[in-house]
Amino acid sequence: MRKYSILFIFLITMFFISCKKDNNDIKTSNSQNPTSYLLKRQTWTGSVSNGQSILYVYNGDNLVSKIEKYEWGTYSTNGGPIQTWYDTTFYSFEYTNGLCTKWIVGKEGMQQNYFVYEYNNDKMPIKRTYYSTDNIALSYYLYKYDNSKKLIQTIDSAQKVEYKYEYSYDNDNNLASLIEYTIGSNPQRKSKYEWLTYDKKVSFLRAVNGLPVTFGSAFNNPLFSSPNNYLSEKYYTPVNIDQSFGTPEFRNATYEYNDEGLPTKMSDSGWIVIFEYEKYK
């Protein structure tokens, strides 16, 4: 995982395009939203000119159906004048009986690759397959859970195992640590995240109904599974798999909340994030 990725990927992990609903769809999703709000938009700005805005749209069952992610920033070529770049990404989910079974990824004017989810009898994803636009399977993600249905391992493989992720949790079911093993490299490597403290409020990610419980782990964003918002984090940079981790890097986050305990503003390492919600019940 990249050095400063987790919180930024928080947002990169959550964007999709129109969700198609068939006649068999019923309201049996894995939604864990304890509030009467749906997350409508996130907007990131910082001390630099880069930023992003993510818009969420929901279907008639209040499951996320369309997300548009807009990014912008500046660059200079050979010392020339500062220019601004823009990028838009679209994502979509298709549901069967309230569970996400297909996730489509694309940009304007481009063909779209997609992911297909398979579930066990407990409605927990056990496999995610990534397909090309011509329906060729490119890679697989396998998920393993403990007896309380918490994700404890993800295997990422193509022709062979490339990555393995291992997760542990605190007494409040918040993610306590993640170790990423880069199995496909030579030498094999590992890195680690630890989350030291959380607030007692509701994670903003819980206000996005319909996402698979493993959605974040597929994008190196395991915090999706945590019921609360993290306050402090340690990151250990990659080392060889037989070495001890070095001195960690620290980061901290602070929040402002609405009447139901959802963050309306987050400050983290120079970034300011504004969250907008809408009532749905």
Foldseek 3Di string as FASTA:
>chain_A
DDDPPQVVVVVVLDFAAAEDEDPQADQPFPFPAPDQKAWAKKWKDFPFGKIKMKGFDADPSLATGKIKIKIKHWDDDPPHDIDMDIFIKIKGFYDHNLATAKIWIDGPPDQIKIKGFDADPVRATAKIFTADSVGDTAWMKGWDADPVRDTAKIFIGGPGTQKIKGWDADPQRFTAKIKIWGVPDVQIKIKMKGFDDFDPFAESLSSNPHDHLCSLVVSVHNRSNGGTGTFKMWIFDMDGPPDDTDHTDMKGKDFDADPRRYGQWMDIPRMIMGIDIDGDD
